[in-house]
Structures are given as structure tokens and as C-alpha cells.
């Protein structure tokens, strides 16, 4: 696809709603199948192994993986915005340099994460007050997971590149293939061979290897300016600076989210194995909301990024309004759905009465509060698409992460109990949403004027 073809014009010239949906649905389905990796792991070990195994593949391991991988995902979002702006501005040489720099970043970052993940994460899991009956299973799972982290990062970066230039369908197709492979291997290794959490981890990394090969093949076969050539994979300093300028704040923001969740997980662990398993299971059903809102955020950043690169600021403004309507509508619908179906969904993971009771309580407490978050995602994605990332990072880190940590340590001793821990989420979402609305309303005129002046 060339930068001046019909499909590209749908993003910079056509209907805003259509442009958003063009990206949203493939990304949503892709995120669904991405999430299905871990959800399948949890369902199979919960049904075929034990609640201890269920806690091991979620809980502390899931939180720690999100912390480490989430930082790189933030960098990927920066690369995606840089490529979208170059591609929307029809700068072919810069687009090519950005693609090869992004892939180089994936390889180096993956190697660093692999070494750190294998060597240090078991000690971190133990320090998170993980119950003793879970610890050996969790250690096995996370070490095997990080053996295959490089293909994971290559797929995520490759998909970000394709989405940045307007192709959101093929990453979805490849993810469906690898997800179905993961399900088959999970059943083979766990249900048939009885390999437990090790089998789940091996199935995951083999499936991610397949998805990375497929997306890299597309990048290497295209005739467009984003074609990947192995001999060209290296860092270009001017591109790397832009990726870090846009992506590093997003990575830090993601890590701060995860750090606060690590602390929350440590408090949840103190309530015992039933609460840990319930928190793991609940996390697998509330992911339906998060994958929906995150998919919309990626779509917004891509559409805004290309229109910003083309200096079409009226379309950027309209994108914000349309996105808010879509986000609130979808969030209300998803909240109602999860509130009433959570008892049924939780039974997919376990039949343990105590775990189910705790999981339903968590769902009924948190699901109605999702609406307090959506403004954050819309405005953060808009600002990132316009190349503004540092201020949103600071507001998010203070409004969500720091405030959440302060609440946990200050309020829990006064009102001990799981509800006090859970309250940290809607409290911090509400405060941060207010901060973003104020910032956007006071800065948008200046932001758009500067963009046109460029």
C-alpha cells in the first residue's frame, strides 16, 4: 500500500467513525486472541491441574510479566506513532528507517528481558508474598515464559508497524492462527501429557514463535517503503530519539501501572490462596473490558497520528469527540454484561466455592466503576498521536500509580479488608480522569496551533 492510495485516504480524508472502526475491530479481535493465550492457560490448569496452578499462571507471575513486557509495549506504541506520522506525511525514507530501528529495538530489548526474566523474576515473585504452595509452580512458569520473550516482542512490534501504516487485519489473522495453536498445545501438554504449568508455558512460547514468523514474513515480502531487510536492521539515532521521546513515557507509565499492581498483588496474596485464585480468575474476565478500551486507544492513536502527520487538525478534534461517545457507550454495555455474567464466566476457571464467592464479589464491586476510566484512554491516546507524551505520563503516574500506592498503604491499616484494596482502582481512575479533562481543555488550542505552525 502506497501512502497516496485509496485506503490511506480513508484515514486522512474519509469518515472519522469509519476510520476508527476500520482499526478498532481488527485490533479488538486481535487483542481478544492475545488475551486468550493467558485465559486458555488459566482455564486449562484450573480445570485439569489445581487452584494452586491457577494462581501460579496468573497472580504474581501475570502481574510481573505485565510489568516487564508492558514497558516494551509502551516503546512499541511510540514506534507506531512515529511510523504513522512518517507514513501519513508520505516520508518514505524516514518510514523505512523507523521500521528497521523498531525491529532492532525489539531484538535488543528481548535479549535484555530474557536474561533478567530468567535470572531475577523468581526472587521477585517470592518477595511479593506469594503463597508457598504456589511458588515452585510460578517459578517454573515464568522462567520458561521468558525463554521465548524475543518472539513475543517481535510480534508485538511487527503488528504495531503494520497497524501504523493502515494494515490491522493481517496481525489479527496471524494471532488467530497462533492462538488456536496455543489452545491445541495446552490441551496436548497439560490435559494429555500432564506437564502442568511447564506445559502451559511451553505451549505459549511455541505459539508466539509462530506469530512472530508470520508477521515478519509480511514485512519482508512487501514492496512498500516499510519493507523489512535484514541487512538494514540497525539503530538510526534520529528515529530512536523520537521513539524514546514518544514511547519511553508510555513505557514508564505502563510500568508504573504494573508496579502499583505488583503492590496490590502483594496485599491480595496476604489474604490466602482462595483470594489469590479469585483475583486471578477475576482478572481473566475483566480483561474483556480492558482489551476493548485498549483496542480503541490504539485505533485513536493511529488515526490521530496519521491526521496529525498530514496536518489535518480539524479531523483530530472530531476524532476526540467521536471516540468519547464510542468509549462511553461500549463501556456501559460491557459493564452491564460482565456484572450479570460474572458468576457463569468464573466457573470456567474453577468450581471451588470459596474462590467463586470471592471472584463474584470482586466483579460486582469493580465492574460498575469501569466508566470512570474511559476518558483517560481517549485523551492519552489522542495526545500520544499528536506527539505529546511526557505530561500525560506525569499525570498518569501521579493520579493513578502514586495515589494508588498511597491509598493502599494509608487506608488498609485503617480499614483492613479486600474492599479497601479494590477501592484503589475507581478512586484513582476518577481523580486522573478529572486531571486529563482539565489539561486537554486548557491546552488543546495551543496544541493544535503549534501543529499547524510546524
Protein backbone atom coordinates (compact mmCIF):
# COMPACT_ATOMS: atom_id res chain seq x y z
CA UNK A 1 0.00 0.00 0.00
CA UNK A 2 1.41 3.36 -1.03
CA UNK A 3 0.90 6.44 1.10
CA UNK A 4 -1.32 8.10 -1.51
CA UNK A 5 -3.67 5.21 -2.28
CA UNK A 6 -7.38 4.91 -1.58
CA UNK A 7 -7.05 3.01 1.64
CA UNK A 8 -4.80 5.61 3.18
CA UNK A 9 -7.29 8.34 2.21
CA UNK A 10 -9.92 6.59 4.31
CA UNK A 11 -7.88 7.56 7.36
CA UNK A 12 -6.97 11.13 6.45
CA UNK A 13 -10.00 12.07 4.30
CA UNK A 14 -12.96 9.77 4.97
CA UNK A 15 -15.39 9.37 7.85
CA UNK A 16 -13.78 9.59 11.30
CA UNK A 17 -16.09 6.93 12.70
CA UNK A 18 -15.35 4.61 9.79
CA UNK A 19 -11.61 5.21 10.15
CA UNK A 20 -11.74 4.37 13.86
CA UNK A 21 -13.83 1.25 13.29
CA UNK A 22 -11.52 0.20 10.45
CA UNK A 23 -8.81 -0.17 13.08
CA UNK A 24 -10.85 -0.87 16.17
CA UNK A 25 -12.49 -4.16 15.24
CA UNK A 26 -9.40 -5.96 13.90
CA UNK A 27 -7.39 -4.68 16.88
CA UNK A 28 -10.17 -5.72 19.27
CA UNK A 29 -10.32 -9.22 17.86
CA UNK A 30 -6.54 -9.35 17.87
CA UNK A 31 -6.44 -8.25 21.50
CA UNK A 32 -9.10 -10.84 22.28
CA UNK A 33 -6.99 -13.63 20.84
CA UNK A 34 -3.89 -12.22 22.53
CA UNK A 35 -5.70 -12.34 25.85
CA UNK A 36 -6.97 -15.81 25.00
CA UNK A 37 -3.38 -17.04 25.39
CA UNK A 38 -3.35 -16.46 29.13
CA UNK A 39 -7.05 -17.11 29.60
CA UNK A 40 -6.71 -20.52 27.99
CA UNK A 41 -3.73 -21.24 30.22
CA UNK A 42 -5.80 -20.33 33.29
CA UNK A 43 -8.87 -22.34 32.24
CA UNK A 44 -6.90 -25.48 31.44
CA UNK A 45 -4.72 -25.51 34.55
CA UNK A 46 -7.71 -24.56 36.69
CA UNK A 47 -9.76 -27.45 35.34
CA UNK A 48 -7.06 -30.09 34.79
CA UNK A 49 -4.49 -29.31 37.50
CA UNK A 50 -5.44 -27.33 40.65
CA UNK A 51 -6.32 -23.94 42.08
CA UNK A 52 -2.65 -23.65 43.07
CA UNK A 53 -1.70 -23.94 39.38
CA UNK A 54 -4.40 -21.38 38.54
CA UNK A 55 -2.81 -18.93 40.96
CA UNK A 56 0.64 -19.71 39.54
CA UNK A 57 -0.12 -18.79 35.90
CA UNK A 58 -1.88 -15.58 36.96
CA UNK A 59 -1.44 -13.70 40.19
CA UNK A 60 2.16 -12.66 40.80
CA UNK A 61 3.52 -14.09 37.53
CA UNK A 62 0.93 -12.32 35.39
CA UNK A 63 1.49 -9.04 37.21
CA UNK A 64 5.26 -9.30 36.87
CA UNK A 65 5.06 -10.19 33.18
CA UNK A 66 2.83 -7.17 32.62
CA UNK A 67 5.40 -5.01 34.41
CA UNK A 68 8.34 -6.08 32.26
CA UNK A 69 6.63 -6.63 28.91
CA UNK A 70 4.39 -3.59 29.43
CA UNK A 71 7.40 -1.29 29.41
CA UNK A 72 8.41 -2.54 25.98
CA UNK A 73 4.82 -2.34 24.76
CA UNK A 74 4.96 1.36 25.63
CA UNK A 75 8.06 1.73 23.47
CA UNK A 76 6.20 -0.09 20.69
CA UNK A 77 3.39 2.43 20.88
CA UNK A 78 5.96 5.19 20.45
CA UNK A 79 7.37 3.47 17.38
CA UNK A 80 3.86 3.03 16.00
CA UNK A 81 3.09 6.75 16.32
CA UNK A 82 6.43 7.72 14.72
CA UNK A 83 5.81 5.39 11.77
CA UNK A 84 2.18 6.54 11.42
CA UNK A 85 3.29 10.18 11.29
CA UNK A 86 6.03 9.50 8.75
CA UNK A 87 3.75 7.32 6.64
CA UNK A 88 0.85 9.78 6.82
CA UNK A 89 3.26 12.55 5.81
CA UNK A 90 4.49 10.43 2.85
CA UNK A 91 8.10 10.36 4.09
CA UNK A 92 9.24 7.03 2.69
CA UNK A 93 12.91 7.11 3.71
CA UNK A 94 12.06 8.05 7.30
CA UNK A 95 9.37 5.35 7.40
CA UNK A 96 11.92 2.72 6.38
CA UNK A 97 14.44 3.90 8.96
CA UNK A 98 11.77 3.84 11.67
CA UNK A 99 10.76 0.26 10.82
CA UNK A 100 14.32 -1.08 10.98
CA UNK A 101 15.10 0.82 14.17
CA UNK A 102 11.94 -0.57 15.76
CA UNK A 103 12.89 -4.16 14.91
CA UNK A 104 16.42 -3.62 16.24
CA UNK A 105 14.89 -2.31 19.46
CA UNK A 106 12.76 -5.47 19.72
CA UNK A 107 15.78 -7.76 19.40
CA UNK A 108 17.93 -5.90 21.92
CA UNK A 109 15.04 -5.36 24.33
CA UNK A 110 14.02 -9.02 24.07
CA UNK A 111 17.52 -10.20 24.90
CA UNK A 112 17.67 -7.95 27.97
CA UNK A 113 14.25 -9.09 29.18
CA UNK A 114 15.13 -12.75 28.65
CA UNK A 115 18.26 -12.54 30.79
CA UNK A 116 16.52 -10.53 33.51
CA UNK A 117 13.36 -12.65 33.45
CA UNK A 118 15.16 -15.97 33.80
CA UNK A 119 17.63 -14.74 36.38
CA UNK A 120 15.72 -12.42 38.68
CA UNK A 121 11.95 -12.84 38.45
CA UNK A 122 11.76 -15.93 40.72
CA UNK A 123 13.23 -13.89 43.58
CA UNK A 124 10.81 -11.05 42.89
CA UNK A 125 7.83 -13.43 42.96
CA UNK A 126 8.94 -14.71 46.33
CA UNK A 127 9.33 -11.16 47.64
CA UNK A 128 5.68 -10.49 46.64
CA UNK A 129 4.48 -12.78 49.48
CA UNK A 130 3.42 -15.45 47.00
CA UNK A 131 1.97 -18.42 48.97
CA UNK A 132 4.47 -21.25 49.42
CA UNK A 133 2.22 -23.80 47.71
CA UNK A 134 2.26 -21.67 44.53
CA UNK A 135 5.91 -20.61 44.47
CA UNK A 136 7.53 -23.63 42.71
CA UNK A 137 4.83 -23.70 40.02
CA UNK A 138 5.06 -19.95 39.44
CA UNK A 139 8.86 -20.06 39.19
CA UNK A 140 8.75 -22.80 36.56
CA UNK A 141 6.12 -20.97 34.53
CA UNK A 142 7.81 -17.57 34.46
CA UNK A 143 11.30 -18.89 33.64
CA UNK A 144 10.02 -20.83 30.64
CA UNK A 145 7.91 -17.83 29.56
CA UNK A 146 10.94 -15.55 29.40
CA UNK A 147 12.91 -18.08 27.33
CA UNK A 148 10.53 -17.20 24.49
CA UNK A 149 10.22 -13.47 25.09
CA UNK A 150 12.07 -12.32 21.93
CA UNK A 151 9.44 -13.75 19.51
CA UNK A 152 6.77 -12.15 21.70
CA UNK A 153 8.34 -8.70 21.33
CA UNK A 154 8.98 -9.15 17.62
CA UNK A 155 5.33 -9.99 17.01
CA UNK A 156 4.11 -7.02 19.04
CA UNK A 157 6.44 -4.60 17.28
CA UNK A 158 5.73 -6.07 13.85
CA UNK A 159 1.99 -5.76 14.46
CA UNK A 160 2.44 -2.16 15.63
CA UNK A 161 4.28 -1.39 12.37
CA UNK A 162 1.52 -2.89 10.23
CA UNK A 163 -1.20 -1.06 12.14
CA UNK A 164 0.70 2.22 11.83
CA UNK A 165 0.62 2.01 8.04
CA UNK A 166 -3.06 1.02 7.96
CA UNK A 167 -2.99 -2.79 7.99
CA UNK A 168 -4.82 -4.07 11.06
CA UNK A 169 -6.19 -7.28 9.53
CA UNK A 170 -3.13 -9.44 8.92
CA UNK A 171 -1.82 -9.17 12.51
CA UNK A 172 -5.26 -10.42 13.55
CA UNK A 173 -5.14 -13.40 11.18
CA UNK A 174 -1.69 -14.39 12.42
CA UNK A 175 -2.75 -14.07 16.03
CA UNK A 176 -5.78 -16.29 15.46
CA UNK A 177 -3.52 -18.96 13.98
CA UNK A 178 -1.07 -18.85 16.88
CA UNK A 179 -3.86 -18.70 19.47
CA UNK A 180 -5.53 -21.81 18.10
CA UNK A 181 -2.11 -23.45 18.11
CA UNK A 182 -1.71 -22.44 21.76
CA UNK A 183 -5.06 -23.99 22.70
CA UNK A 184 -4.17 -27.25 20.97
CA UNK A 185 -0.74 -27.40 22.58
CA UNK A 186 -2.18 -26.55 26.01
CA UNK A 187 -4.57 -29.48 25.77
CA UNK A 188 -1.78 -31.74 24.50
CA UNK A 189 0.84 -30.82 27.11
CA UNK A 190 -1.45 -30.35 30.14
CA UNK A 191 -4.56 -32.49 29.66
CA UNK A 192 -2.81 -35.39 27.89
CA UNK A 193 0.87 -35.32 28.92
CA UNK A 194 0.18 -33.89 32.43
CA UNK A 195 3.04 -31.38 32.21
CA UNK A 196 1.26 -28.82 34.44
CA UNK A 197 2.37 -25.19 34.40
CA UNK A 198 5.52 -26.08 32.44
CA UNK A 199 3.35 -27.42 29.63
CA UNK A 200 1.30 -24.23 29.55
CA UNK A 201 4.42 -22.06 29.35
CA UNK A 202 5.96 -24.17 26.56
CA UNK A 203 2.72 -24.02 24.57
CA UNK A 204 2.67 -20.24 24.91
CA UNK A 205 6.20 -19.59 23.70
CA UNK A 206 5.86 -22.01 20.75
CA UNK A 207 2.68 -20.23 19.66
CA UNK A 208 4.29 -16.81 19.96
CA UNK A 209 7.18 -18.03 17.82
CA UNK A 210 4.71 -18.87 15.05
CA UNK A 211 3.00 -15.46 15.20
CA UNK A 212 6.35 -13.64 15.05
CA UNK A 213 7.44 -15.60 11.96
CA UNK A 214 4.21 -14.78 10.17
CA UNK A 215 4.31 -11.04 10.82
CA UNK A 216 8.00 -10.75 9.94
CA UNK A 217 7.36 -12.59 6.67
CA UNK A 218 4.78 -9.94 5.69
CA UNK A 219 7.20 -7.13 6.46
CA UNK A 220 9.94 -8.79 4.40
CA UNK A 221 7.71 -9.51 1.38
CA UNK A 222 6.04 -6.13 0.87
CA UNK A 223 7.09 -3.75 -1.92
CA UNK A 224 6.15 -0.66 0.07
CA UNK A 225 8.50 1.67 1.94
CA UNK A 226 8.06 -0.23 5.21
CA UNK A 227 9.72 -3.36 3.79
CA UNK A 228 12.00 -5.12 6.27
CA UNK A 229 15.51 -6.01 5.10
CA UNK A 230 17.68 -7.98 7.49
CA UNK A 231 20.81 -6.11 6.43
CA UNK A 232 19.16 -2.79 7.31
CA UNK A 233 18.21 -3.70 10.89
CA UNK A 234 20.11 -1.18 12.96
CA UNK A 235 19.53 1.89 15.08
CA UNK A 236 19.12 5.30 13.45
CA UNK A 237 19.75 7.86 16.14
CA UNK A 238 17.22 10.45 14.96
CA UNK A 239 14.46 7.82 14.80
CA UNK A 240 15.46 6.21 18.09
CA UNK A 241 15.26 9.61 19.80
CA UNK A 242 11.72 10.13 18.52
CA UNK A 243 10.67 6.62 19.51
CA UNK A 244 12.03 7.12 23.00
CA UNK A 245 10.53 10.61 23.22
CA UNK A 246 7.06 9.21 22.48
CA UNK A 247 7.44 5.66 23.74
CA UNK A 248 9.53 5.99 26.89
CA UNK A 249 6.85 7.96 28.75
CA UNK A 250 4.29 5.36 27.67
CA UNK A 251 6.62 2.59 28.83
CA UNK A 252 7.23 4.29 32.17
CA UNK A 253 3.50 4.86 32.51
CA UNK A 254 2.79 1.19 31.82
CA UNK A 255 5.48 0.14 34.28
CA UNK A 256 4.06 2.41 36.95
CA UNK A 257 0.66 0.84 36.42
CA UNK A 258 2.26 -2.56 36.81
CA UNK A 259 4.31 -1.55 39.86
CA UNK A 260 1.16 -0.38 41.62
CA UNK A 261 -0.49 -3.67 40.64
CA UNK A 262 2.52 -5.59 41.99
CA UNK A 263 1.97 -3.87 45.33
CA UNK A 264 -1.75 -4.62 45.20
CA UNK A 265 -0.97 -8.24 44.32
CA UNK A 266 1.26 -8.44 47.39
CA UNK A 267 -1.63 -7.29 49.58
CA UNK A 268 -4.01 -9.74 47.88
CA UNK A 269 -1.51 -12.56 48.47
CA UNK A 270 -1.76 -11.91 52.22
CA UNK A 271 -5.44 -12.94 52.11
CA UNK A 272 -4.53 -16.54 51.17
CA UNK A 273 -4.76 -18.95 48.25
CA UNK A 274 -8.55 -18.65 47.77
CA UNK A 275 -8.31 -14.89 47.32
CA UNK A 276 -5.27 -15.20 45.04
CA UNK A 277 -7.07 -17.69 42.81
CA UNK A 278 -10.21 -15.50 42.80
CA UNK A 279 -8.16 -12.41 41.85
CA UNK A 280 -6.55 -14.39 39.03
CA UNK A 281 -9.91 -15.60 37.72
CA UNK A 282 -11.50 -12.15 38.02
CA UNK A 283 -8.57 -10.69 36.09
CA UNK A 284 -9.39 -13.02 33.22
CA UNK A 285 -12.95 -11.75 32.90
CA UNK A 286 -12.34 -8.04 33.42
CA UNK A 287 -9.78 -8.31 30.61
CA UNK A 288 -12.77 -8.19 28.23
CA UNK A 289 -13.25 -4.54 29.16
CA UNK A 290 -9.55 -3.73 29.03
CA UNK A 291 -8.98 -5.30 25.65
CA UNK A 292 -11.93 -3.31 24.29
CA UNK A 293 -10.81 0.05 25.65
CA UNK A 294 -7.14 -0.59 24.81
CA UNK A 295 -8.08 -1.53 21.23
CA UNK A 296 -9.97 1.75 20.91
CA UNK A 297 -6.92 3.58 22.30
CA UNK A 298 -4.64 2.04 19.66
CA UNK A 299 -7.13 2.96 16.94
CA UNK A 300 -7.34 6.54 18.21
CA UNK A 301 -3.54 6.94 18.35
CA UNK A 302 -3.20 5.60 14.80
CA UNK A 303 -5.95 7.73 13.27
CA UNK A 304 -4.84 10.84 15.16
CA UNK A 305 -1.19 10.15 14.32
CA UNK A 306 -1.78 9.96 10.56
CA UNK A 307 -4.04 13.03 10.51
CA UNK A 308 -1.57 14.93 12.70
CA UNK A 309 1.21 13.99 10.28
CA UNK A 310 -0.97 15.28 7.43
CA UNK A 311 -1.69 18.49 9.45
CA UNK A 312 -5.45 17.89 9.38
CA UNK A 313 -6.21 19.20 12.85
CA UNK A 314 -9.98 19.55 12.39
CA UNK A 315 -10.12 15.80 11.93
CA UNK A 316 -8.08 15.30 15.09
CA UNK A 317 -10.61 17.38 17.06
CA UNK A 318 -13.54 15.42 15.64
CA UNK A 319 -11.77 12.17 16.45
CA UNK A 320 -11.73 13.09 20.15
CA UNK A 321 -15.49 13.75 20.23
CA UNK A 322 -16.41 10.62 18.30
CA UNK A 323 -14.06 8.50 20.40
CA UNK A 324 -15.58 9.69 23.68
CA UNK A 325 -19.10 8.76 22.50
CA UNK A 326 -17.90 5.35 21.37
CA UNK A 327 -15.89 4.71 24.55
CA UNK A 328 -18.68 5.58 26.97
CA UNK A 329 -21.26 3.60 25.01
CA UNK A 330 -19.12 0.48 24.83
CA UNK A 331 -18.09 0.75 28.48
CA UNK A 332 -21.67 0.92 29.72
CA UNK A 333 -22.59 -2.12 27.64
CA UNK A 334 -19.57 -4.13 28.73
CA UNK A 335 -20.07 -3.26 32.41
CA UNK A 336 -23.68 -4.48 32.34
CA UNK A 337 -22.68 -7.66 30.52
CA UNK A 338 -19.84 -8.57 32.90
CA UNK A 339 -21.83 -7.69 36.02
CA UNK A 340 -24.60 -10.17 35.23
CA UNK A 341 -22.50 -12.91 33.59
CA UNK A 342 -19.54 -12.94 36.01
CA UNK A 343 -20.87 -15.92 38.06
CA UNK A 344 -21.08 -18.01 34.89
CA UNK A 345 -17.74 -16.83 33.48
CA UNK A 346 -15.86 -17.50 36.71
CA UNK A 347 -17.00 -21.13 36.64
CA UNK A 348 -14.89 -21.61 33.52
CA UNK A 349 -11.82 -21.39 35.75
CA UNK A 350 -12.80 -23.25 38.89
CA UNK A 351 -15.64 -24.94 40.79
CA UNK A 352 -14.15 -24.12 44.20
CA UNK A 353 -16.94 -22.49 46.24
CA UNK A 354 -14.71 -20.08 48.18
CA UNK A 355 -12.87 -18.95 45.06
CA UNK A 356 -16.14 -18.37 43.19
CA UNK A 357 -17.64 -16.38 46.07
CA UNK A 358 -14.63 -14.07 46.25
CA UNK A 359 -14.44 -13.68 42.48
CA UNK A 360 -18.11 -12.70 42.16
CA UNK A 361 -17.68 -10.17 44.96
CA UNK A 362 -14.73 -8.60 43.13
CA UNK A 363 -16.64 -8.41 39.86
CA UNK A 364 -19.73 -6.84 41.39
CA UNK A 365 -17.58 -4.30 43.22
CA UNK A 366 -15.31 -3.20 40.34
CA UNK A 367 -17.22 -3.71 37.08
CA UNK A 368 -19.69 -0.83 37.65
CA UNK A 369 -16.75 1.57 38.06
CA UNK A 370 -15.18 0.97 34.62
CA UNK A 371 -16.88 4.10 33.33
CA UNK A 372 -14.56 6.24 35.44
CA UNK A 373 -11.55 5.17 33.34
CA UNK A 374 -12.53 5.64 29.69
CA UNK A 375 -11.76 9.38 29.45
CA UNK A 376 -8.16 8.63 30.39
CA UNK A 377 -7.69 6.20 27.50
CA UNK A 378 -9.25 8.51 24.89
CA UNK A 379 -7.26 11.59 25.87
CA UNK A 380 -3.95 9.78 26.46
CA UNK A 381 -4.22 8.16 23.00
CA UNK A 382 -5.10 11.48 21.37
CA UNK A 383 -2.19 13.29 22.99
CA UNK A 384 0.22 10.49 22.12
CA UNK A 385 -0.95 10.54 18.50
CA UNK A 386 -0.14 14.28 18.45
CA UNK A 387 3.34 13.61 19.81
CA UNK A 388 2.63 14.73 23.38
CA UNK A 389 3.66 12.07 25.88
CA UNK A 390 5.56 13.48 28.85
CA UNK A 391 2.75 15.43 30.54
CA UNK A 392 0.26 12.54 30.15
CA UNK A 393 2.85 10.23 31.70
CA UNK A 394 3.34 12.53 34.69
CA UNK A 395 -0.41 12.91 35.25
CA UNK A 396 -0.99 9.17 34.97
CA UNK A 397 1.90 8.25 37.24
CA UNK A 398 0.74 10.71 39.89
CA UNK A 399 -3.01 10.38 39.52
CA UNK A 400 -3.20 6.60 39.21
CA UNK A 401 0.03 4.96 40.30
CA UNK A 402 1.31 7.14 43.14
CA UNK A 403 -2.15 7.83 44.55
CA UNK A 404 -2.98 4.11 44.40
CA UNK A 405 0.14 3.21 46.37
CA UNK A 406 -0.55 5.93 48.94
CA UNK A 407 -4.13 4.70 49.35
CA UNK A 408 -3.06 1.08 49.80
CA UNK A 409 -0.52 1.82 52.50
CA UNK A 410 -2.55 4.53 54.25
CA UNK A 411 -6.08 3.12 54.10
CA UNK A 412 -5.53 -0.62 54.52
CA UNK A 413 -4.30 -0.40 58.14
CA UNK A 414 -7.36 1.71 58.99
CA UNK A 415 -9.93 -0.37 57.08
CA UNK A 416 -8.34 -3.83 56.67
CA UNK A 417 -10.04 -5.98 54.07
CA UNK A 418 -10.11 -6.73 50.36
CA UNK A 419 -12.68 -3.99 49.61
CA UNK A 420 -10.21 -1.32 50.72
CA UNK A 421 -7.67 -2.72 48.27
CA UNK A 422 -10.24 -2.82 45.46
CA UNK A 423 -11.33 0.79 46.10
CA UNK A 424 -7.90 1.96 44.95
CA UNK A 425 -8.97 1.39 41.34
CA UNK A 426 -12.10 3.58 40.90
CA UNK A 427 -10.66 6.21 43.24
CA UNK A 428 -7.54 6.73 41.15
CA UNK A 429 -9.37 6.43 37.80
CA UNK A 430 -11.76 9.21 38.81
CA UNK A 431 -9.03 11.56 40.01
CA UNK A 432 -6.91 11.02 36.89
CA UNK A 433 -9.86 11.45 34.53
CA UNK A 434 -10.53 14.87 36.04
CA UNK A 435 -6.88 15.84 35.61
CA UNK A 436 -6.89 14.86 31.93
CA UNK A 437 -10.11 16.71 31.15
CA UNK A 438 -8.70 19.88 32.71
CA UNK A 439 -5.39 19.54 30.87
CA UNK A 440 -6.96 18.83 27.48
CA UNK A 441 -9.47 21.68 27.68
CA UNK A 442 -6.78 24.20 28.66
CA UNK A 443 -4.14 23.03 26.17
CA UNK A 444 -5.97 21.91 23.02
CA UNK A 445 -6.00 25.32 21.26
CA UNK A 446 -2.27 25.78 21.82
CA UNK A 447 -1.56 22.17 20.83
CA UNK A 448 -3.39 22.43 17.51
CA UNK A 449 -1.91 25.85 16.70
CA UNK A 450 1.64 24.57 17.20
CA UNK A 451 0.93 21.57 14.97
CA UNK A 452 -0.28 23.74 12.08
CA UNK A 453 2.72 26.05 12.53
CA UNK A 454 5.06 23.10 12.04
